Amino acid sequence: MVKNIDPIVYPGQYRSHMHSFFGSDAVTKNLPTTADREKGCASGENPNDLSVYWIPTLYYVRGPTDSVEVNPGMFSTYYENIDKAEIPYSQDLFAIAGNATARSQSDVNEGTTGLTWWCENGPEDRQNRNRALMPRVTCSGNIQVILRFPDCVQTSNIKNYAYTAANGGRCPSGMK
């Protein structure tokens, strides 16, 4: 689905820029609860993964008034070190990867979010630019991006989450 909604940042509103949605189909302009997601389809091969993901829709700009939506060829999620998790995912969990208020490259913390763009089949130019910037070369194949989600949460308030990468590889005090 591609829609001008962001249920986390602007719940209940058609106010956002365009987003491309992946995973469960149980998403509307309202932030879906776990119970809402249980009514939708699974996000992948695991029938218990009812996650919903969305990203700003990418456009190729051909001219001042001519833009074309770039449809992703594939979307993958990886749950790393899941065997080291201290707590299970909480009910109604949601998280924003990166900075939802970013308006420029200087608002992106590549070291924390792991945001990295590259050309799948080359040529490689990551050594010559900020990895959070799109490649400055014409990719011979697909363009890929990695974005790390927060991996710490305050169990008493799921709206309070953080990155271990911003805290020396550990969760801040009071988080799991």
Protein backbone atom coordinates (compact mmCIF):
# COMPACT_ATOMS: atom_id res chain seq x y z
CA MET A 1 0.00 0.00 0.00
CA VAL A 2 1.14 3.55 -0.69
CA LYS A 3 -0.73 6.20 1.29
CA ASN A 4 -0.26 9.67 2.78
CA ILE A 5 -0.57 8.40 6.37
CA ASP A 6 1.82 7.77 9.26
CA PRO A 7 -0.08 6.06 12.09
CA ILE A 8 2.77 6.65 14.59
CA VAL A 9 3.67 10.28 13.86
CA TYR A 10 0.19 11.50 12.82
CA PRO A 11 -2.29 8.93 14.17
CA GLY A 12 -5.79 9.24 12.74
CA GLN A 13 -4.78 11.85 10.15
CA TYR A 14 -4.17 12.11 6.41
CA ARG A 15 -1.39 14.61 6.98
CA SER A 16 1.84 12.87 6.12
CA HIS A 17 3.96 12.63 3.01
CA MET A 18 3.54 9.39 1.06
CA HIS A 19 4.63 6.12 2.69
CA SER A 20 5.09 2.63 1.26
CA PHE A 21 3.78 -0.10 3.60
CA PHE A 22 5.04 -3.69 4.03
CA GLY A 23 4.03 -6.63 6.19
CA SER A 24 0.63 -7.12 7.73
CA ASP A 25 -2.32 -5.58 5.92
CA ALA A 26 -3.90 -4.52 9.24
CA VAL A 27 -2.98 -0.86 8.95
CA THR A 28 -5.08 2.25 8.55
CA LYS A 29 -4.51 5.89 9.43
CA ASN A 30 -4.92 4.84 13.09
CA LEU A 31 -2.05 3.24 15.01
CA PRO A 32 -2.80 -0.50 14.96
CA THR A 33 -2.88 -2.35 18.27
CA THR A 34 -1.70 -5.92 18.66
CA ALA A 35 -5.37 -7.00 18.54
CA ASP A 36 -5.81 -5.10 15.24
CA ARG A 37 -2.71 -6.74 13.75
CA GLU A 38 -3.93 -10.19 14.83
CA LYS A 39 -6.83 -9.72 12.38
CA GLY A 40 -4.40 -9.17 9.48
CA CYS A 41 -2.02 -11.37 7.59
CA ALA A 42 1.46 -12.43 8.71
CA SER A 43 4.40 -10.30 7.63
CA GLY A 44 6.37 -13.19 6.17
CA GLU A 45 7.02 -16.87 6.65
CA ASN A 46 6.54 -16.74 10.43
CA PRO A 47 2.76 -16.87 11.04
CA ASN A 48 3.29 -15.14 14.41
CA ASP A 49 5.00 -12.09 12.88
CA LEU A 50 2.18 -9.59 12.42
CA SER A 51 4.46 -6.57 12.10
CA VAL A 52 3.72 -3.60 9.86
CA TYR A 53 6.57 -1.52 8.42
CA TRP A 54 6.51 1.68 6.42
CA ILE A 55 9.05 3.95 4.82
CA PRO A 56 8.83 7.28 3.03
CA THR A 57 7.98 6.56 -0.60
CA LEU A 58 10.96 7.08 -2.87
CA TYR A 59 10.51 9.12 -6.04
CA TYR A 60 12.73 9.60 -9.07
CA VAL A 61 12.52 13.27 -10.05
CA ARG A 62 12.77 13.71 -13.83
CA GLY A 63 11.98 17.40 -13.79
CA PRO A 64 10.40 20.23 -11.80
CA THR A 65 6.88 18.81 -12.20
CA ASP A 66 7.63 15.21 -13.19
CA SER A 67 8.20 12.56 -10.49
CA VAL A 68 7.86 8.80 -10.72
CA GLU A 69 7.33 6.52 -7.72
CA VAL A 70 10.14 3.99 -7.30
CA ASN A 71 8.57 0.67 -6.35
CA PRO A 72 10.75 -1.43 -4.03
CA GLY A 73 11.64 -4.79 -5.54
CA MET A 74 12.00 -6.41 -2.13
CA PHE A 75 11.63 -5.62 1.57
CA SER A 76 13.38 -7.71 4.23
CA THR A 77 13.57 -7.57 8.00
CA TYR A 78 16.18 -9.26 10.15
CA TYR A 79 15.88 -9.85 13.87
CA GLU A 80 19.47 -10.09 15.05
CA ASN A 81 20.55 -11.53 18.40
CA ILE A 82 16.94 -12.39 19.22
CA ASP A 83 18.25 -15.17 21.46
CA LYS A 84 19.85 -12.52 23.69
CA ALA A 85 16.61 -10.55 24.24
CA GLU A 86 15.90 -9.89 27.92
CA ILE A 87 12.15 -9.51 27.46
CA PRO A 88 9.57 -10.45 24.81
CA TYR A 89 8.12 -7.78 22.55
CA SER A 90 5.39 -6.03 24.50
CA GLN A 91 1.78 -5.76 23.40
CA ASP A 92 1.07 -2.77 21.12
CA LEU A 93 4.79 -2.13 20.60
CA PHE A 94 5.72 0.45 17.98
CA ALA A 95 8.98 2.15 17.17
CA ILE A 96 10.42 4.68 14.76
CA ALA A 97 13.74 3.82 13.17
CA GLY A 98 15.78 6.95 12.69
CA ASN A 99 14.60 10.50 13.18
CA ALA A 100 10.97 11.18 12.21
CA THR A 101 11.61 14.93 12.37
CA ALA A 102 14.68 14.87 10.09
CA ARG A 103 14.60 17.53 7.40
CA SER A 104 18.20 17.36 6.19
CA GLN A 105 21.18 15.03 6.09
CA SER A 106 22.59 16.65 9.24
CA ASP A 107 19.53 15.32 11.14
CA VAL A 108 20.53 11.71 10.39
CA ASN A 109 22.75 9.88 12.89
CA GLU A 110 24.30 7.16 10.74
CA GLY A 111 26.28 5.69 13.64
CA THR A 112 23.16 5.07 15.72
CA THR A 113 20.66 4.03 13.05
CA GLY A 114 23.10 2.18 10.80
CA LEU A 115 21.50 3.92 7.80
CA THR A 116 23.48 2.81 4.78
CA TRP A 117 22.71 3.01 1.03
CA TRP A 118 24.67 1.04 -1.56
CA CYS A 119 24.54 -0.50 -5.02
CA GLU A 120 23.86 -4.23 -4.77
CA ASN A 121 26.03 -5.17 -7.77
CA GLY A 122 28.33 -2.14 -7.69
CA PRO A 123 29.92 0.12 -8.37
CA GLU A 124 30.83 0.79 -4.73
CA ASP A 125 31.25 4.38 -3.55
CA ARG A 126 30.53 4.14 0.22
CA GLN A 127 34.16 4.90 1.06
CA ASN A 128 33.85 8.30 -0.68
CA ARG A 129 30.64 9.60 0.91
CA ASN A 130 28.54 9.59 4.06
CA ARG A 131 27.00 6.09 4.05
CA ALA A 132 23.58 7.58 4.89
CA LEU A 133 23.59 9.41 1.54
CA MET A 134 22.33 7.67 -1.56
CA PRO A 135 25.03 6.46 -3.96
CA ARG A 136 26.45 9.13 -6.23
CA VAL A 137 27.05 6.61 -8.99
CA THR A 138 24.68 4.82 -11.34
CA CYS A 139 24.01 1.40 -9.84
CA SER A 140 24.47 -1.55 -12.19
CA GLY A 141 21.68 -3.37 -10.33
CA ASN A 142 19.40 -2.69 -7.39
CA ILE A 143 19.98 -0.02 -4.79
CA GLN A 144 19.77 -1.25 -1.19
CA VAL A 145 19.37 0.40 2.20
CA ILE A 146 19.83 -0.78 5.78
CA LEU A 147 18.15 0.92 8.73
CA ARG A 148 18.51 -0.29 12.30
CA PHE A 149 15.55 -0.10 14.71
CA PRO A 150 15.87 0.83 18.39
CA ASP A 151 16.74 -2.22 20.47
CA CYS A 152 16.03 -1.07 24.03
CA VAL A 153 12.70 -0.27 25.65
CA GLN A 154 11.51 0.98 29.01
CA THR A 155 9.16 -1.84 30.02
CA SER A 156 6.80 0.47 31.91
CA ASN A 157 6.47 2.86 28.93
CA ILE A 158 6.85 1.36 25.45
CA LYS A 159 6.94 4.86 23.94
CA ASN A 160 10.38 5.30 25.52
CA TYR A 161 12.97 3.40 23.49
CA ALA A 162 16.63 3.78 22.57
CA TYR A 163 19.56 2.35 20.58
CA THR A 164 22.37 0.35 22.17
CA ALA A 165 24.65 1.86 19.50
CA ALA A 166 24.14 5.28 21.10
CA ASN A 167 24.95 3.90 24.58
CA GLY A 168 28.21 2.01 24.23
CA GLY A 169 26.51 -1.23 23.12
CA ARG A 170 24.22 -1.48 26.16
CA CYS A 171 20.70 -0.37 26.99
CA PRO A 172 20.42 2.80 29.08
CA SER A 173 19.66 2.36 32.78
CA GLY A 174 16.07 1.23 33.37
CA MET A 175 15.70 -0.26 29.89
CA LYS A 176 15.77 -3.86 28.66
